Amino acid sequence: MIPEQAEEYMLGSRSALGWVIDRYQVKTDNSSGIPNDPNDWADEHGDPKYIADLIAKVTRVAVETVQLVRSLDG
């Protein structure tokens, strides 16, 4: 489960977690019809959990950063 605080850590107008999820989606190029599947890269490099691990890391950094900022606002 992803904590709600993870969505509060923003990179410009979107959350860091939202950016990662959007970036690592399977997409198909409209003009060529060629799919872009980030999982292919992970499989080719022998790291099938790469995207899941990345989401976990970004979530942790986001939550810890939000907590830190809140503690400074005091």
PDB file of N, CA and C in Angstrom:
ATOM      1  N   MET A   1       0.841  -1.174   0.000  1.00  0.00           N
ATOM      2  CA  MET A   1       0.000   0.000   0.000  1.00  0.00           C
ATOM      3  C   MET A   1       0.898   1.253   0.000  1.00  0.00           C
ATOM      4  N   ILE A   2       0.537   2.209  -0.812  1.00  0.00           N
ATOM      5  CA  ILE A   2       1.309   3.453  -0.912  1.00  0.00           C
ATOM      6  C   ILE A   2       0.666   4.511  -0.015  1.00  0.00           C
ATOM      7  N   PRO A   3       1.441   5.080   0.910  1.00  0.00           N
ATOM      8  CA  PRO A   3       0.895   6.106   1.803  1.00  0.00           C
ATOM      9  C   PRO A   3       0.459   7.356   1.037  1.00  0.00           C
ATOM     10  N   GLU A   4      -0.577   8.003   1.527  1.00  0.00           N
ATOM     11  CA  GLU A   4      -1.081   9.222   0.880  1.00  0.00           C
ATOM     12  C   GLU A   4      -0.019  10.313   0.838  1.00  0.00           C
ATOM     13  N   GLN A   5       0.867  10.341   1.826  1.00  0.00           N
ATOM     14  CA  GLN A   5       1.920  11.360   1.868  1.00  0.00           C
ATOM     15  C   GLN A   5       2.810  11.321   0.634  1.00  0.00           C
ATOM     16  N   ALA A   6       2.917  10.165  -0.001  1.00  0.00           N
ATOM     17  CA  ALA A   6       3.772  10.044  -1.186  1.00  0.00           C
ATOM     18  C   ALA A   6       3.291  10.951  -2.309  1.00  0.00           C
ATOM     19  N   GLU A   7       2.009  11.229  -2.351  1.00  0.00           N
ATOM     20  CA  GLU A   7       1.448  12.092  -3.398  1.00  0.00           C
ATOM     21  C   GLU A   7       1.677  13.572  -3.095  1.00  0.00           C
ATOM     22  N   GLU A   8       2.084  13.894  -1.876  1.00  0.00           N
ATOM     23  CA  GLU A   8       2.286  15.289  -1.489  1.00  0.00           C
ATOM     24  C   GLU A   8       3.645  15.833  -1.923  1.00  0.00           C
ATOM     25  N   TYR A   9       4.584  14.960  -2.220  1.00  0.00           N
ATOM     26  CA  TYR A   9       5.929  15.384  -2.630  1.00  0.00           C
ATOM     27  C   TYR A   9       5.876  15.713  -4.115  1.00  0.00           C
ATOM     28  N   MET A  10       5.964  17.002  -4.435  1.00  0.00           N
ATOM     29  CA  MET A  10       5.721  17.461  -5.796  1.00  0.00           C
ATOM     30  C   MET A  10       7.007  17.793  -6.543  1.00  0.00           C
ATOM     31  N   LEU A  11       6.981  17.500  -7.833  1.00  0.00           N
ATOM     32  CA  LEU A  11       8.020  17.925  -8.777  1.00  0.00           C
ATOM     33  C   LEU A  11       7.304  18.830  -9.776  1.00  0.00           C
ATOM     34  N   GLY A  12       7.339  20.092  -9.518  1.00  0.00           N
ATOM     35  CA  GLY A  12       6.579  21.015 -10.351  1.00  0.00           C
ATOM     36  C   GLY A  12       5.097  20.876 -10.055  1.00  0.00           C
ATOM     37  N   SER A  13       4.331  20.520 -11.069  1.00  0.00           N
ATOM     38  CA  SER A  13       2.882  20.435 -10.913  1.00  0.00           C
ATOM     39  C   SER A  13       2.367  19.017 -10.671  1.00  0.00           C
ATOM     40  N   ARG A  14       3.276  18.049 -10.529  1.00  0.00           N
ATOM     41  CA  ARG A  14       2.829  16.672 -10.305  1.00  0.00           C
ATOM     42  C   ARG A  14       3.665  16.020  -9.220  1.00  0.00           C
ATOM     43  N   SER A  15       3.107  14.968  -8.658  1.00  0.00           N
ATOM     44  CA  SER A  15       3.842  14.267  -7.614  1.00  0.00           C
ATOM     45  C   SER A  15       4.987  13.468  -8.240  1.00  0.00           C
ATOM     46  N   ALA A  16       6.034  13.255  -7.449  1.00  0.00           N
ATOM     47  CA  ALA A  16       7.167  12.456  -7.930  1.00  0.00           C
ATOM     48  C   ALA A  16       6.698  11.050  -8.278  1.00  0.00           C
ATOM     49  N   LEU A  17       5.840  10.504  -7.450  1.00  0.00           N
ATOM     50  CA  LEU A  17       5.325   9.161  -7.701  1.00  0.00           C
ATOM     51  C   LEU A  17       4.495   9.136  -8.980  1.00  0.00           C
ATOM     52  N   GLY A  18       3.678  10.150  -9.186  1.00  0.00           N
ATOM     53  CA  GLY A  18       2.882  10.239 -10.415  1.00  0.00           C
ATOM     54  C   GLY A  18       3.755  10.319 -11.651  1.00  0.00           C
ATOM     55  N   TRP A  19       4.863  11.059 -11.545  1.00  0.00           N
ATOM     56  CA  TRP A  19       5.794  11.179 -12.664  1.00  0.00           C
ATOM     57  C   TRP A  19       6.387   9.825 -13.011  1.00  0.00           C
ATOM     58  N   VAL A  20       6.851   9.095 -12.003  1.00  0.00           N
ATOM     59  CA  VAL A  20       7.462   7.780 -12.242  1.00  0.00           C
ATOM     60  C   VAL A  20       6.449   6.827 -12.868  1.00  0.00           C
ATOM     61  N   ILE A  21       5.266   6.798 -12.317  1.00  0.00           N
ATOM     62  CA  ILE A  21       4.235   5.889 -12.841  1.00  0.00           C
ATOM     63  C   ILE A  21       3.904   6.241 -14.285  1.00  0.00           C
ATOM     64  N   ASP A  22       3.787   7.532 -14.588  1.00  0.00           N
ATOM     65  CA  ASP A  22       3.499   7.941 -15.964  1.00  0.00           C
ATOM     66  C   ASP A  22       4.644   7.586 -16.902  1.00  0.00           C
ATOM     67  N   ARG A  23       5.858   7.802 -16.445  1.00  0.00           N
ATOM     68  CA  ARG A  23       7.046   7.562 -17.270  1.00  0.00           C
ATOM     69  C   ARG A  23       7.248   6.088 -17.604  1.00  0.00           C
ATOM     70  N   TYR A  24       6.887   5.231 -16.686  1.00  0.00           N
ATOM     71  CA  TYR A  24       7.155   3.805 -16.860  1.00  0.00           C
ATOM     72  C   TYR A  24       5.923   3.001 -17.245  1.00  0.00           C
ATOM     73  N   GLN A  25       5.003   3.601 -17.958  1.00  0.00           N
ATOM     74  CA  GLN A  25       3.843   2.881 -18.485  1.00  0.00           C
ATOM     75  C   GLN A  25       4.171   2.302 -19.854  1.00  0.00           C
ATOM     76  N   VAL A  26       3.481   1.232 -20.185  1.00  0.00           N
ATOM     77  CA  VAL A  26       3.584   0.694 -21.542  1.00  0.00           C
ATOM     78  C   VAL A  26       2.801   1.641 -22.444  1.00  0.00           C
ATOM     79  N   LYS A  27       3.461   2.146 -23.480  1.00  0.00           N
ATOM     80  CA  LYS A  27       2.823   3.071 -24.418  1.00  0.00           C
ATOM     81  C   LYS A  27       3.106   2.623 -25.841  1.00  0.00           C
ATOM     82  N   THR A  28       2.230   3.017 -26.745  1.00  0.00           N
ATOM     83  CA  THR A  28       2.414   2.706 -28.162  1.00  0.00           C
ATOM     84  C   THR A  28       2.506   4.007 -28.933  1.00  0.00           C
ATOM     85  N   ASP A  29       3.545   4.134 -29.760  1.00  0.00           N
ATOM     86  CA  ASP A  29       3.714   5.317 -30.592  1.00  0.00           C
ATOM     87  C   ASP A  29       2.576   5.371 -31.608  1.00  0.00           C
ATOM     88  N   ASN A  30       1.890   6.511 -31.645  1.00  0.00           N
ATOM     89  CA  ASN A  30       0.724   6.638 -32.528  1.00  0.00           C
ATOM     90  C   ASN A  30       1.066   6.513 -34.008  1.00  0.00           C
ATOM     91  N   SER A  31       2.180   7.101 -34.420  1.00  0.00           N
ATOM     92  CA  SER A  31       2.487   7.102 -35.853  1.00  0.00           C
ATOM     93  C   SER A  31       3.056   5.774 -36.344  1.00  0.00           C
ATOM     94  N   SER A  32       3.865   5.115 -35.532  1.00  0.00           N
ATOM     95  CA  SER A  32       4.490   3.866 -36.000  1.00  0.00           C
ATOM     96  C   SER A  32       3.798   2.609 -35.488  1.00  0.00           C
ATOM     97  N   GLY A  33       3.061   2.750 -34.397  1.00  0.00           N
ATOM     98  CA  GLY A  33       2.427   1.586 -33.796  1.00  0.00           C
ATOM     99  C   GLY A  33       3.388   0.724 -32.986  1.00  0.00           C
ATOM    100  N   ILE A  34       4.619   1.206 -32.794  1.00  0.00           N
ATOM    101  CA  ILE A  34       5.622   0.452 -32.048  1.00  0.00           C
ATOM    102  C   ILE A  34       5.396   0.650 -30.549  1.00  0.00           C
ATOM    103  N   PRO A  35       5.283  -0.459 -29.811  1.00  0.00           N
ATOM    104  CA  PRO A  35       5.094  -0.330 -28.366  1.00  0.00           C
ATOM    105  C   PRO A  35       6.404  -0.009 -27.653  1.00  0.00           C
ATOM    106  N   ASN A  36       6.310   0.763 -26.604  1.00  0.00           N
ATOM    107  CA  ASN A  36       7.444   1.058 -25.736  1.00  0.00           C
ATOM    108  C   ASN A  36       7.103   0.476 -24.373  1.00  0.00           C
ATOM    109  N   ASP A  37       7.741  -0.628 -24.038  1.00  0.00           N
ATOM    110  CA  ASP A  37       7.469  -1.317 -22.786  1.00  0.00           C
ATOM    111  C   ASP A  37       8.712  -1.256 -21.908  1.00  0.00           C
ATOM    112  N   PRO A  38       8.691  -0.438 -20.843  1.00  0.00           N
ATOM    113  CA  PRO A  38       9.845  -0.327 -19.961  1.00  0.00           C
ATOM    114  C   PRO A  38      10.231  -1.653 -19.317  1.00  0.00           C
ATOM    115  N   ASN A  39       9.288  -2.561 -19.216  1.00  0.00           N
ATOM    116  CA  ASN A  39       9.588  -3.875 -18.653  1.00  0.00           C
ATOM    117  C   ASN A  39      10.579  -4.640 -19.523  1.00  0.00           C
ATOM    118  N   ASP A  40      10.591  -4.358 -20.820  1.00  0.00           N
ATOM    119  CA  ASP A  40      11.553  -5.023 -21.713  1.00  0.00           C
ATOM    120  C   ASP A  40      12.982  -4.696 -21.291  1.00  0.00           C
ATOM    121  N   TRP A  41      13.242  -3.422 -20.987  1.00  0.00           N
ATOM    122  CA  TRP A  41      14.575  -3.023 -20.552  1.00  0.00           C
ATOM    123  C   TRP A  41      14.956  -3.750 -19.268  1.00  0.00           C
ATOM    124  N   ALA A  42      14.025  -3.781 -18.320  1.00  0.00           N
ATOM    125  CA  ALA A  42      14.294  -4.431 -17.040  1.00  0.00           C
ATOM    126  C   ALA A  42      14.602  -5.913 -17.234  1.00  0.00           C
ATOM    127  N   ASP A  43      13.841  -6.562 -18.107  1.00  0.00           N
ATOM    128  CA  ASP A  43      14.072  -7.984 -18.381  1.00  0.00           C
ATOM    129  C   ASP A  43      15.420  -8.206 -19.061  1.00  0.00           C
ATOM    130  N   GLU A  44      15.756  -7.341 -20.020  1.00  0.00           N
ATOM    131  CA  GLU A  44      17.022  -7.467 -20.746  1.00  0.00           C
ATOM    132  C   GLU A  44      18.229  -7.308 -19.826  1.00  0.00           C
ATOM    133  N   HIS A  45      18.069  -6.538 -18.750  1.00  0.00           N
ATOM    134  CA  HIS A  45      19.171  -6.288 -17.828  1.00  0.00           C
ATOM    135  C   HIS A  45      19.107  -7.183 -16.588  1.00  0.00           C
ATOM    136  N   GLY A  46      18.264  -8.194 -16.649  1.00  0.00           N
ATOM    137  CA  GLY A  46      18.189  -9.159 -15.564  1.00  0.00           C
ATOM    138  C   GLY A  46      17.654  -8.602 -14.259  1.00  0.00           C
ATOM    139  N   ASP A  47      16.824  -7.572 -14.352  1.00  0.00           N
ATOM    140  CA  ASP A  47      16.276  -6.950 -13.151  1.00  0.00           C
ATOM    141  C   ASP A  47      14.771  -6.758 -13.326  1.00  0.00           C
ATOM    142  N   PRO A  48      14.010  -7.859 -13.329  1.00  0.00           N
ATOM    143  CA  PRO A  48      12.572  -7.759 -13.606  1.00  0.00           C
ATOM    144  C   PRO A  48      11.787  -6.958 -12.563  1.00  0.00           C
ATOM    145  N   LYS A  49      12.368  -6.726 -11.388  1.00  0.00           N
ATOM    146  CA  LYS A  49      11.687  -5.955 -10.348  1.00  0.00           C
ATOM    147  C   LYS A  49      12.098  -4.483 -10.360  1.00  0.00           C
ATOM    148  N   TYR A  50      12.819  -4.055 -11.380  1.00  0.00           N
ATOM    149  CA  TYR A  50      13.355  -2.690 -11.421  1.00  0.00           C
ATOM    150  C   TYR A  50      12.287  -1.625 -11.180  1.00  0.00           C
ATOM    151  N   ILE A  51      11.197  -1.689 -11.902  1.00  0.00           N
ATOM    152  CA  ILE A  51      10.171  -0.639 -11.802  1.00  0.00           C
ATOM    153  C   ILE A  51       9.488  -0.690 -10.439  1.00  0.00           C
ATOM    154  N   ALA A  52       9.191  -1.867  -9.952  1.00  0.00           N
ATOM    155  CA  ALA A  52       8.572  -1.995  -8.623  1.00  0.00           C
ATOM    156  C   ALA A  52       9.514  -1.457  -7.548  1.00  0.00           C
ATOM    157  N   ASP A  53      10.803  -1.777  -7.663  1.00  0.00           N
ATOM    158  CA  ASP A  53      11.784  -1.269  -6.701  1.00  0.00           C
ATOM    159  C   ASP A  53      11.913   0.251  -6.793  1.00  0.00           C
ATOM    160  N   LEU A  54      11.867   0.790  -8.010  1.00  0.00           N
ATOM    161  CA  LEU A  54      11.942   2.235  -8.205  1.00  0.00           C
ATOM    162  C   LEU A  54      10.752   2.937  -7.549  1.00  0.00           C
ATOM    163  N   ILE A  55       9.573   2.398  -7.730  1.00  0.00           N
ATOM    164  CA  ILE A  55       8.373   2.980  -7.111  1.00  0.00           C
ATOM    165  C   ILE A  55       8.499   2.945  -5.593  1.00  0.00           C
ATOM    166  N   ALA A  56       9.017   1.851  -5.055  1.00  0.00           N
ATOM    167  CA  ALA A  56       9.211   1.752  -3.604  1.00  0.00           C
ATOM    168  C   ALA A  56      10.205   2.799  -3.111  1.00  0.00           C
ATOM    169  N   LYS A  57      11.295   2.998  -3.844  1.00  0.00           N
ATOM    170  CA  LYS A  57      12.304   3.977  -3.439  1.00  0.00           C
ATOM    171  C   LYS A  57      11.762   5.405  -3.507  1.00  0.00           C
ATOM    172  N   VAL A  58      11.055   5.723  -4.588  1.00  0.00           N
ATOM    173  CA  VAL A  58      10.490   7.070  -4.732  1.00  0.00           C
ATOM    174  C   VAL A  58       9.446   7.309  -3.648  1.00  0.00           C
ATOM    175  N   THR A  59       8.661   6.302  -3.347  1.00  0.00           N
ATOM    176  CA  THR A  59       7.658   6.421  -2.290  1.00  0.00           C
ATOM    177  C   THR A  59       8.323   6.709  -0.955  1.00  0.00           C
ATOM    178  N   ARG A  60       9.382   5.979  -0.646  1.00  0.00           N
ATOM    179  CA  ARG A  60      10.076   6.192   0.628  1.00  0.00           C
ATOM    180  C   ARG A  60      10.654   7.597   0.713  1.00  0.00           C
ATOM    181  N   VAL A  61      11.325   8.041  -0.335  1.00  0.00           N
ATOM    182  CA  VAL A  61      11.913   9.382  -0.337  1.00  0.00           C
ATOM    183  C   VAL A  61      10.819  10.436  -0.210  1.00  0.00           C
ATOM    184  N   ALA A  62       9.717  10.256  -0.917  1.00  0.00           N
ATOM    185  CA  ALA A  62       8.619  11.220  -0.865  1.00  0.00           C
ATOM    186  C   ALA A  62       8.044  11.319   0.540  1.00  0.00           C
ATOM    187  N   VAL A  63       7.753  10.191   1.154  1.00  0.00           N
ATOM    188  CA  VAL A  63       7.158  10.189   2.492  1.00  0.00           C
ATOM    189  C   VAL A  63       8.126  10.790   3.512  1.00  0.00           C
ATOM    190  N   GLU A  64       9.388  10.387   3.453  1.00  0.00           N
ATOM    191  CA  GLU A  64      10.366  10.914   4.406  1.00  0.00           C
ATOM    192  C   GLU A  64      10.576  12.414   4.214  1.00  0.00           C
ATOM    193  N   THR A  65      10.545  12.877   2.983  1.00  0.00           N
ATOM    194  CA  THR A  65      10.709  14.311   2.719  1.00  0.00           C
ATOM    195  C   THR A  65       9.519  15.097   3.248  1.00  0.00           C
ATOM    196  N   VAL A  66       8.315  14.602   3.008  1.00  0.00           N
ATOM    197  CA  VAL A  66       7.115  15.277   3.516  1.00  0.00           C
ATOM    198  C   VAL A  66       7.157  15.337   5.042  1.00  0.00           C
ATOM    199  N   GLN A  67       7.548  14.247   5.670  1.00  0.00           N
ATOM    200  CA  GLN A  67       7.630  14.243   7.145  1.00  0.00           C
ATOM    201  C   GLN A  67       8.677  15.233   7.642  1.00  0.00           C
ATOM    202  N   LEU A  68       9.810  15.297   6.980  1.00  0.00           N
ATOM    203  CA  LEU A  68      10.879  16.221   7.352  1.00  0.00           C
ATOM    204  C   LEU A  68      10.417  17.677   7.227  1.00  0.00           C
ATOM    205  N   VAL A  69       9.791  17.982   6.111  1.00  0.00           N
ATOM    206  CA  VAL A  69       9.310  19.362   5.888  1.00  0.00           C
ATOM    207  C   VAL A  69       8.270  19.728   6.940  1.00  0.00           C
ATOM    208  N   ARG A  70       7.373  18.801   7.242  1.00  0.00           N
ATOM    209  CA  ARG A  70       6.362  19.070   8.278  1.00  0.00           C
ATOM    210  C   ARG A  70       7.026  19.316   9.630  1.00  0.00           C
ATOM    211  N   SER A  71       8.074  18.573   9.941  1.00  0.00           N
ATOM    212  CA  SER A  71       8.744  18.761  11.232  1.00  0.00           C
ATOM    213  C   SER A  71       9.433  20.122  11.312  1.00  0.00           C
ATOM    214  N   LEU A  72       9.880  20.639  10.180  1.00  0.00           N
ATOM    215  CA  LEU A  72      10.531  21.954  10.150  1.00  0.00           C
ATOM    216  C   LEU A  72       9.520  23.082  10.289  1.00  0.00           C
ATOM    217  N   ASP A  73       8.290  22.832   9.799  1.00  0.00           N
ATOM    218  CA  ASP A  73       7.235  23.844   9.903  1.00  0.00           C
ATOM    219  C   ASP A  73       6.733  23.967  11.335  1.00  0.00           C
ATOM    220  N   GLY A  74       6.949  22.939  12.105  1.00  0.00           N
ATOM    221  CA  GLY A  74       6.713  22.811  13.496  1.00  0.00           C
ATOM    222  C   GLY A  74       5.543  23.241  14.189  1.00  0.00           C
TER     223      GLY A  74
END
